[in-house]
Amino acid sequence: MAIELKIGTRGTREEFEDTYTRSFLEDNGLLKFDPRKFAVNCVWGVHTKYGYMCSFSFDDILIYMGNGNWDLRVAKEDKERPWL
């Protein structure tokens, strides 16, 4: 039985990381970058209809749009703890 992402599947980046393997996510448009190789500490590149966008927070909301495309909703900034 093949695992597939259904259109409209929604969750935080952390939920996707905990549920699916890295290779499965990369095959479906989420690329994990090695922060040692980049000047910016971008953890995941999310393939959207506009190109790749960076996801910096585990709380970012991802929605699968189909064909390896995602919608990225950035988590709201915690004004009391901006370092998170």
PDB file of N, CA and C in Angstrom:
ATOM      1  N   MET A   1       0.833  -1.164   0.000  1.00  0.00           N
ATOM      2  CA  MET A   1       0.000   0.000   0.000  1.00  0.00           C
ATOM      3  C   MET A   1       0.890   1.243   0.000  1.00  0.00           C
ATOM      4  N   ALA A   2       0.708   2.106  -0.973  1.00  0.00           N
ATOM      5  CA  ALA A   2       1.498   3.321  -1.090  1.00  0.00           C
ATOM      6  C   ALA A   2       0.901   4.431  -0.236  1.00  0.00           C
ATOM      7  N   ILE A   3       1.783   5.170   0.404  1.00  0.00           N
ATOM      8  CA  ILE A   3       1.343   6.328   1.185  1.00  0.00           C
ATOM      9  C   ILE A   3       1.247   7.511   0.234  1.00  0.00           C
ATOM     10  N   GLU A   4       0.172   8.269   0.346  1.00  0.00           N
ATOM     11  CA  GLU A   4       0.057   9.467  -0.476  1.00  0.00           C
ATOM     12  C   GLU A   4      -0.507  10.602   0.359  1.00  0.00           C
ATOM     13  N   LEU A   5      -0.118  11.803  -0.010  1.00  0.00           N
ATOM     14  CA  LEU A   5      -0.672  12.991   0.622  1.00  0.00           C
ATOM     15  C   LEU A   5      -1.918  13.398  -0.131  1.00  0.00           C
ATOM     16  N   LYS A   6      -2.991  13.591   0.576  1.00  0.00           N
ATOM     17  CA  LYS A   6      -4.221  14.032  -0.069  1.00  0.00           C
ATOM     18  C   LYS A   6      -4.223  15.557  -0.155  1.00  0.00           C
ATOM     19  N   ILE A   7      -4.807  16.071  -1.212  1.00  0.00           N
ATOM     20  CA  ILE A   7      -4.928  17.511  -1.373  1.00  0.00           C
ATOM     21  C   ILE A   7      -5.728  18.063  -0.195  1.00  0.00           C
ATOM     22  N   GLY A   8      -5.213  19.115   0.404  1.00  0.00           N
ATOM     23  CA  GLY A   8      -5.861  19.714   1.562  1.00  0.00           C
ATOM     24  C   GLY A   8      -5.317  19.225   2.887  1.00  0.00           C
ATOM     25  N   THR A   9      -4.384  18.262   2.869  1.00  0.00           N
ATOM     26  CA  THR A   9      -3.778  17.808   4.115  1.00  0.00           C
ATOM     27  C   THR A   9      -3.104  19.004   4.764  1.00  0.00           C
ATOM     28  N   ARG A  10      -3.401  19.224   6.033  1.00  0.00           N
ATOM     29  CA  ARG A  10      -2.960  20.430   6.723  1.00  0.00           C
ATOM     30  C   ARG A  10      -2.353  20.073   8.069  1.00  0.00           C
ATOM     31  N   GLY A  11      -1.318  20.814   8.462  1.00  0.00           N
ATOM     32  CA  GLY A  11      -0.717  20.616   9.772  1.00  0.00           C
ATOM     33  C   GLY A  11       0.477  21.517   9.955  1.00  0.00           C
ATOM     34  N   THR A  12       1.042  21.486  11.154  1.00  0.00           N
ATOM     35  CA  THR A  12       2.247  22.260  11.402  1.00  0.00           C
ATOM     36  C   THR A  12       3.433  21.527  10.789  1.00  0.00           C
ATOM     37  N   ARG A  13       4.514  22.269  10.596  1.00  0.00           N
ATOM     38  CA  ARG A  13       5.706  21.631  10.041  1.00  0.00           C
ATOM     39  C   ARG A  13       6.196  20.517  10.958  1.00  0.00           C
ATOM     40  N   GLU A  14       6.086  20.727  12.262  1.00  0.00           N
ATOM     41  CA  GLU A  14       6.512  19.716  13.218  1.00  0.00           C
ATOM     42  C   GLU A  14       5.688  18.434  13.068  1.00  0.00           C
ATOM     43  N   GLU A  15       4.380  18.564  12.852  1.00  0.00           N
ATOM     44  CA  GLU A  15       3.526  17.387  12.674  1.00  0.00           C
ATOM     45  C   GLU A  15       3.937  16.592  11.427  1.00  0.00           C
ATOM     46  N   PHE A  16       4.244  17.304  10.338  1.00  0.00           N
ATOM     47  CA  PHE A  16       4.671  16.611   9.124  1.00  0.00           C
ATOM     48  C   PHE A  16       6.010  15.908   9.343  1.00  0.00           C
ATOM     49  N   GLU A  17       6.948  16.567  10.048  1.00  0.00           N
ATOM     50  CA  GLU A  17       8.249  15.965  10.327  1.00  0.00           C
ATOM     51  C   GLU A  17       8.107  14.708  11.185  1.00  0.00           C
ATOM     52  N   ASP A  18       7.171  14.739  12.135  1.00  0.00           N
ATOM     53  CA  ASP A  18       6.972  13.594  13.024  1.00  0.00           C
ATOM     54  C   ASP A  18       6.224  12.451  12.349  1.00  0.00           C
ATOM     55  N   THR A  19       5.425  12.759  11.323  1.00  0.00           N
ATOM     56  CA  THR A  19       4.564  11.761  10.698  1.00  0.00           C
ATOM     57  C   THR A  19       5.211  11.067   9.502  1.00  0.00           C
ATOM     58  N   TYR A  20       5.928  11.819   8.683  1.00  0.00           N
ATOM     59  CA  TYR A  20       6.474  11.292   7.424  1.00  0.00           C
ATOM     60  C   TYR A  20       7.991  11.286   7.449  1.00  0.00           C
ATOM     61  N   THR A  21       8.584  10.418   6.640  1.00  0.00           N
ATOM     62  CA  THR A  21      10.038  10.379   6.542  1.00  0.00           C
ATOM     63  C   THR A  21      10.539  11.566   5.718  1.00  0.00           C
ATOM     64  N   ARG A  22      11.806  11.887   5.916  1.00  0.00           N
ATOM     65  CA  ARG A  22      12.404  13.002   5.191  1.00  0.00           C
ATOM     66  C   ARG A  22      12.361  12.781   3.685  1.00  0.00           C
ATOM     67  N   SER A  23      12.667  11.581   3.241  1.00  0.00           N
ATOM     68  CA  SER A  23      12.676  11.305   1.795  1.00  0.00           C
ATOM     69  C   SER A  23      11.268  11.424   1.203  1.00  0.00           C
ATOM     70  N   PHE A  24      10.236  10.995   1.936  1.00  0.00           N
ATOM     71  CA  PHE A  24       8.867  11.129   1.457  1.00  0.00           C
ATOM     72  C   PHE A  24       8.500  12.603   1.301  1.00  0.00           C
ATOM     73  N   LEU A  25       8.846  13.418   2.293  1.00  0.00           N
ATOM     74  CA  LEU A  25       8.546  14.844   2.224  1.00  0.00           C
ATOM     75  C   LEU A  25       9.312  15.514   1.085  1.00  0.00           C
ATOM     76  N   GLU A  26      10.568  15.138   0.891  1.00  0.00           N
ATOM     77  CA  GLU A  26      11.348  15.714  -0.202  1.00  0.00           C
ATOM     78  C   GLU A  26      10.759  15.338  -1.559  1.00  0.00           C
ATOM     79  N   ASP A  27      10.249  14.135  -1.680  1.00  0.00           N
ATOM     80  CA  ASP A  27       9.598  13.710  -2.929  1.00  0.00           C
ATOM     81  C   ASP A  27       8.317  14.492  -3.190  1.00  0.00           C
ATOM     82  N   ASN A  28       7.744  15.078  -2.143  1.00  0.00           N
ATOM     83  CA  ASN A  28       6.487  15.815  -2.261  1.00  0.00           C
ATOM     84  C   ASN A  28       6.647  17.323  -2.077  1.00  0.00           C
ATOM     85  N   GLY A  29       7.856  17.843  -2.301  1.00  0.00           N
ATOM     86  CA  GLY A  29       8.031  19.287  -2.360  1.00  0.00           C
ATOM     87  C   GLY A  29       8.544  19.990  -1.125  1.00  0.00           C
ATOM     88  N   LEU A  30       8.960  19.251  -0.090  1.00  0.00           N
ATOM     89  CA  LEU A  30       9.559  19.883   1.092  1.00  0.00           C
ATOM     90  C   LEU A  30      11.019  19.460   1.160  1.00  0.00           C
ATOM     91  N   LEU A  31      11.926  20.420   1.108  1.00  0.00           N
ATOM     92  CA  LEU A  31      13.350  20.113   1.135  1.00  0.00           C
ATOM     93  C   LEU A  31      13.961  20.561   2.443  1.00  0.00           C
ATOM     94  N   LYS A  32      14.668  19.650   3.093  1.00  0.00           N
ATOM     95  CA  LYS A  32      15.350  20.012   4.332  1.00  0.00           C
ATOM     96  C   LYS A  32      16.771  20.425   3.985  1.00  0.00           C
ATOM     97  N   PHE A  33      17.142  21.639   4.414  1.00  0.00           N
ATOM     98  CA  PHE A  33      18.477  22.154   4.142  1.00  0.00           C
ATOM     99  C   PHE A  33      19.383  21.917   5.331  1.00  0.00           C
ATOM    100  N   ASP A  34      20.659  21.747   5.036  1.00  0.00           N
ATOM    101  CA  ASP A  34      21.670  21.636   6.075  1.00  0.00           C
ATOM    102  C   ASP A  34      22.111  23.053   6.420  1.00  0.00           C
ATOM    103  N   PRO A  35      21.799  23.545   7.626  1.00  0.00           N
ATOM    104  CA  PRO A  35      22.113  24.936   7.952  1.00  0.00           C
ATOM    105  C   PRO A  35      23.597  25.255   7.926  1.00  0.00           C
ATOM    106  N   ARG A  36      24.464  24.236   8.005  1.00  0.00           N
ATOM    107  CA  ARG A  36      25.905  24.493   7.957  1.00  0.00           C
ATOM    108  C   ARG A  36      26.350  24.933   6.573  1.00  0.00           C
ATOM    109  N   LYS A  37      25.545  24.661   5.550  1.00  0.00           N
ATOM    110  CA  LYS A  37      25.919  24.985   4.181  1.00  0.00           C
ATOM    111  C   LYS A  37      25.306  26.293   3.692  1.00  0.00           C
ATOM    112  N   PHE A  38      24.507  26.938   4.525  1.00  0.00           N
ATOM    113  CA  PHE A  38      23.833  28.165   4.119  1.00  0.00           C
ATOM    114  C   PHE A  38      24.070  29.257   5.152  1.00  0.00           C
ATOM    115  N   ALA A  39      24.086  30.504   4.689  1.00  0.00           N
ATOM    116  CA  ALA A  39      24.309  31.630   5.595  1.00  0.00           C
ATOM    117  C   ALA A  39      23.120  31.827   6.533  1.00  0.00           C
ATOM    118  N   VAL A  40      21.947  31.533   6.044  1.00  0.00           N
ATOM    119  CA  VAL A  40      20.744  31.688   6.853  1.00  0.00           C
ATOM    120  C   VAL A  40      20.362  30.325   7.421  1.00  0.00           C
ATOM    121  N   ASN A  41      19.828  30.299   8.612  1.00  0.00           N
ATOM    122  CA  ASN A  41      19.481  29.040   9.261  1.00  0.00           C
ATOM    123  C   ASN A  41      18.066  28.607   8.863  1.00  0.00           C
ATOM    124  N   CYS A  42      17.842  28.434   7.569  1.00  0.00           N
ATOM    125  CA  CYS A  42      16.556  27.982   7.048  1.00  0.00           C
ATOM    126  C   CYS A  42      16.488  26.470   7.189  1.00  0.00           C
ATOM    127  N   VAL A  43      15.497  25.977   7.846  1.00  0.00           N
ATOM    128  CA  VAL A  43      15.418  24.543   8.080  1.00  0.00           C
ATOM    129  C   VAL A  43      14.729  23.824   6.924  1.00  0.00           C
ATOM    130  N   TRP A  44      13.593  24.314   6.457  1.00  0.00           N
ATOM    131  CA  TRP A  44      12.867  23.662   5.377  1.00  0.00           C
ATOM    132  C   TRP A  44      12.586  24.645   4.245  1.00  0.00           C
ATOM    133  N   GLY A  45      12.734  24.178   3.029  1.00  0.00           N
ATOM    134  CA  GLY A  45      12.301  24.924   1.852  1.00  0.00           C
ATOM    135  C   GLY A  45      10.983  24.326   1.395  1.00  0.00           C
ATOM    136  N   VAL A  46       9.971  25.146   1.267  1.00  0.00           N
ATOM    137  CA  VAL A  46       8.626  24.699   0.918  1.00  0.00           C
ATOM    138  C   VAL A  46       8.338  25.119  -0.518  1.00  0.00           C
ATOM    139  N   HIS A  47       8.030  24.136  -1.382  1.00  0.00           N
ATOM    140  CA  HIS A  47       7.736  24.451  -2.777  1.00  0.00           C
ATOM    141  C   HIS A  47       6.309  24.963  -2.886  1.00  0.00           C
ATOM    142  N   THR A  48       6.167  26.252  -3.256  1.00  0.00           N
ATOM    143  CA  THR A  48       4.850  26.862  -3.425  1.00  0.00           C
ATOM    144  C   THR A  48       4.662  27.186  -4.904  1.00  0.00           C
ATOM    145  N   LYS A  49       3.505  27.718  -5.250  1.00  0.00           N
ATOM    146  CA  LYS A  49       3.269  28.076  -6.650  1.00  0.00           C
ATOM    147  C   LYS A  49       4.154  29.246  -7.073  1.00  0.00           C
ATOM    148  N   TYR A  50       4.766  29.955  -6.115  1.00  0.00           N
ATOM    149  CA  TYR A  50       5.655  31.076  -6.416  1.00  0.00           C
ATOM    150  C   TYR A  50       7.133  30.670  -6.412  1.00  0.00           C
ATOM    151  N   GLY A  51       7.431  29.415  -6.096  1.00  0.00           N
ATOM    152  CA  GLY A  51       8.809  28.950  -5.953  1.00  0.00           C
ATOM    153  C   GLY A  51       9.027  28.489  -4.522  1.00  0.00           C
ATOM    154  N   TYR A  52      10.282  28.329  -4.130  1.00  0.00           N
ATOM    155  CA  TYR A  52      10.579  27.861  -2.775  1.00  0.00           C
ATOM    156  C   TYR A  52      10.560  29.017  -1.783  1.00  0.00           C
ATOM    157  N   MET A  53       9.942  28.774  -0.634  1.00  0.00           N
ATOM    158  CA  MET A  53       9.921  29.717   0.482  1.00  0.00           C
ATOM    159  C   MET A  53      10.495  28.983   1.689  1.00  0.00           C
ATOM    160  N   CYS A  54      11.086  29.725   2.612  1.00  0.00           N
ATOM    161  CA  CYS A  54      11.676  29.119   3.802  1.00  0.00           C
ATOM    162  C   CYS A  54      10.688  29.054   4.950  1.00  0.00           C
ATOM    163  N   SER A  55      10.745  27.948   5.660  1.00  0.00           N
ATOM    164  CA  SER A  55       9.966  27.780   6.878  1.00  0.00           C
ATOM    165  C   SER A  55      10.950  27.807   8.042  1.00  0.00           C
ATOM    166  N   PHE A  56      10.819  28.811   8.919  1.00  0.00           N
ATOM    167  CA  PHE A  56      11.748  28.985  10.032  1.00  0.00           C
ATOM    168  C   PHE A  56      11.216  28.454  11.356  1.00  0.00           C
ATOM    169  N   SER A  57       9.943  28.138  11.434  1.00  0.00           N
ATOM    170  CA  SER A  57       9.336  27.756  12.703  1.00  0.00           C
ATOM    171  C   SER A  57       8.645  26.401  12.598  1.00  0.00           C
ATOM    172  N   PHE A  58       8.735  25.622  13.680  1.00  0.00           N
ATOM    173  CA  PHE A  58       8.024  24.350  13.737  1.00  0.00           C
ATOM    174  C   PHE A  58       6.517  24.570  13.708  1.00  0.00           C
ATOM    175  N   ASP A  59       6.075  25.788  14.070  1.00  0.00           N
ATOM    176  CA  ASP A  59       4.647  26.090  14.155  1.00  0.00           C
ATOM    177  C   ASP A  59       4.060  26.614  12.849  1.00  0.00           C
ATOM    178  N   ASP A  60       4.879  26.756  11.791  1.00  0.00           N
ATOM    179  CA  ASP A  60       4.352  27.176  10.492  1.00  0.00           C
ATOM    180  C   ASP A  60       3.319  26.161  10.014  1.00  0.00           C
ATOM    181  N   ILE A  61       2.242  26.652   9.417  1.00  0.00           N
ATOM    182  CA  ILE A  61       1.171  25.787   8.925  1.00  0.00           C
ATOM    183  C   ILE A  61       1.421  25.474   7.453  1.00  0.00           C
ATOM    184  N   LEU A  62       1.371  24.196   7.111  1.00  0.00           N
ATOM    185  CA  LEU A  62       1.543  23.737   5.743  1.00  0.00           C
ATOM    186  C   LEU A  62       0.248  23.092   5.272  1.00  0.00           C
ATOM    187  N   ILE A  63      -0.128  23.408   4.041  1.00  0.00           N
ATOM    188  CA  ILE A  63      -1.302  22.792   3.420  1.00  0.00           C
ATOM    189  C   ILE A  63      -0.857  22.241   2.075  1.00  0.00           C
ATOM    190  N   TYR A  64      -1.089  20.940   1.839  1.00  0.00           N
ATOM    191  CA  TYR A  64      -0.699  20.323   0.573  1.00  0.00           C
ATOM    192  C   TYR A  64      -1.718  20.673  -0.503  1.00  0.00           C
ATOM    193  N   MET A  65      -1.225  21.256  -1.607  1.00  0.00           N
ATOM    194  CA  MET A  65      -2.097  21.709  -2.689  1.00  0.00           C
ATOM    195  C   MET A  65      -2.108  20.736  -3.873  1.00  0.00           C
ATOM    196  N   GLY A  66      -1.258  19.711  -3.841  1.00  0.00           N
ATOM    197  CA  GLY A  66      -1.184  18.740  -4.927  1.00  0.00           C
ATOM    198  C   GLY A  66      -0.005  18.994  -5.845  1.00  0.00           C
ATOM    199  N   ASN A  67       0.428  17.971  -6.548  1.00  0.00           N
ATOM    200  CA  ASN A  67       1.537  18.046  -7.503  1.00  0.00           C
ATOM    201  C   ASN A  67       2.815  18.614  -6.901  1.00  0.00           C
ATOM    202  N   GLY A  68       3.086  18.319  -5.646  1.00  0.00           N
ATOM    203  CA  GLY A  68       4.305  18.788  -4.998  1.00  0.00           C
ATOM    204  C   GLY A  68       4.281  20.248  -4.586  1.00  0.00           C
ATOM    205  N   ASN A  69       3.128  20.896  -4.635  1.00  0.00           N
ATOM    206  CA  ASN A  69       2.992  22.296  -4.229  1.00  0.00           C
ATOM    207  C   ASN A  69       2.323  22.406  -2.867  1.00  0.00           C
ATOM    208  N   TRP A  70       2.768  23.382  -2.091  1.00  0.00           N
ATOM    209  CA  TRP A  70       2.272  23.609  -0.747  1.00  0.00           C
ATOM    210  C   TRP A  70       1.865  25.057  -0.573  1.00  0.00           C
ATOM    211  N   ASP A  71       1.041  25.299   0.431  1.00  0.00           N
ATOM    212  CA  ASP A  71       0.745  26.644   0.896  1.00  0.00           C
ATOM    213  C   ASP A  71       1.406  26.760   2.261  1.00  0.00           C
ATOM    214  N   LEU A  72       2.160  27.840   2.470  1.00  0.00           N
ATOM    215  CA  LEU A  72       2.870  28.057   3.727  1.00  0.00           C
ATOM    216  C   LEU A  72       2.252  29.242   4.444  1.00  0.00           C
ATOM    217  N   ARG A  73       1.772  29.005   5.649  1.00  0.00           N
ATOM    218  CA  ARG A  73       1.246  30.075   6.503  1.00  0.00           C
ATOM    219  C   ARG A  73       2.221  30.227   7.661  1.00  0.00           C
ATOM    220  N   VAL A  74       2.860  31.364   7.738  1.00  0.00           N
ATOM    221  CA  VAL A  74       3.882  31.598   8.747  1.00  0.00           C
ATOM    222  C   VAL A  74       3.232  31.723  10.123  1.00  0.00           C
ATOM    223  N   ALA A  75       3.857  31.084  11.115  1.00  0.00           N
ATOM    224  CA  ALA A  75       3.353  31.142  12.487  1.00  0.00           C
ATOM    225  C   ALA A  75       3.419  32.576  12.988  1.00  0.00           C
ATOM    226  N   LYS A  76       2.474  32.939  13.809  1.00  0.00           N
ATOM    227  CA  LYS A  76       2.462  34.291  14.362  1.00  0.00           C
ATOM    228  C   LYS A  76       3.617  34.462  15.336  1.00  0.00           C
ATOM    229  N   GLU A  77       4.219  35.636  15.281  1.00  0.00           N
ATOM    230  CA  GLU A  77       5.342  35.943  16.162  1.00  0.00           C
ATOM    231  C   GLU A  77       4.861  36.080  17.597  1.00  0.00           C
ATOM    232  N   ASP A  78       5.612  35.487  18.511  1.00  0.00           N
ATOM    233  CA  ASP A  78       5.323  35.617  19.934  1.00  0.00           C
ATOM    234  C   ASP A  78       6.027  36.884  20.419  1.00  0.00           C
ATOM    235  N   LYS A  79       5.269  37.943  20.661  1.00  0.00           N
ATOM    236  CA  LYS A  79       5.857  39.237  21.011  1.00  0.00           C
ATOM    237  C   LYS A  79       6.520  39.233  22.385  1.00  0.00           C
ATOM    238  N   GLU A  80       6.101  38.325  23.247  1.00  0.00           N
ATOM    239  CA  GLU A  80       6.732  38.243  24.562  1.00  0.00           C
ATOM    240  C   GLU A  80       8.031  37.465  24.520  1.00  0.00           C
ATOM    241  N   ARG A  81       8.145  36.529  23.572  1.00  0.00           N
ATOM    242  CA  ARG A  81       9.358  35.708  23.434  1.00  0.00           C
ATOM    243  C   ARG A  81       9.805  35.725  21.970  1.00  0.00           C
ATOM    244  N   PRO A  82      10.367  36.837  21.462  1.00  0.00           N
ATOM    245  CA  PRO A  82      10.709  36.940  20.033  1.00  0.00           C
ATOM    246  C   PRO A  82      11.841  36.003  19.601  1.00  0.00           C
ATOM    247  N   TRP A  83      12.559  35.425  20.535  1.00  0.00           N
ATOM    248  CA  TRP A  83      13.652  34.518  20.184  1.00  0.00           C
ATOM    249  C   TRP A  83      13.151  33.145  19.778  1.00  0.00           C
ATOM    250  N   LEU A  84      11.871  32.853  19.960  1.00  0.00           N
ATOM    251  CA  LEU A  84      11.311  31.552  19.579  1.00  0.00           C
ATOM    252  C   LEU A  84      10.820  31.546  18.169  1.00  0.00           C
TER     253      LEU A  84
END
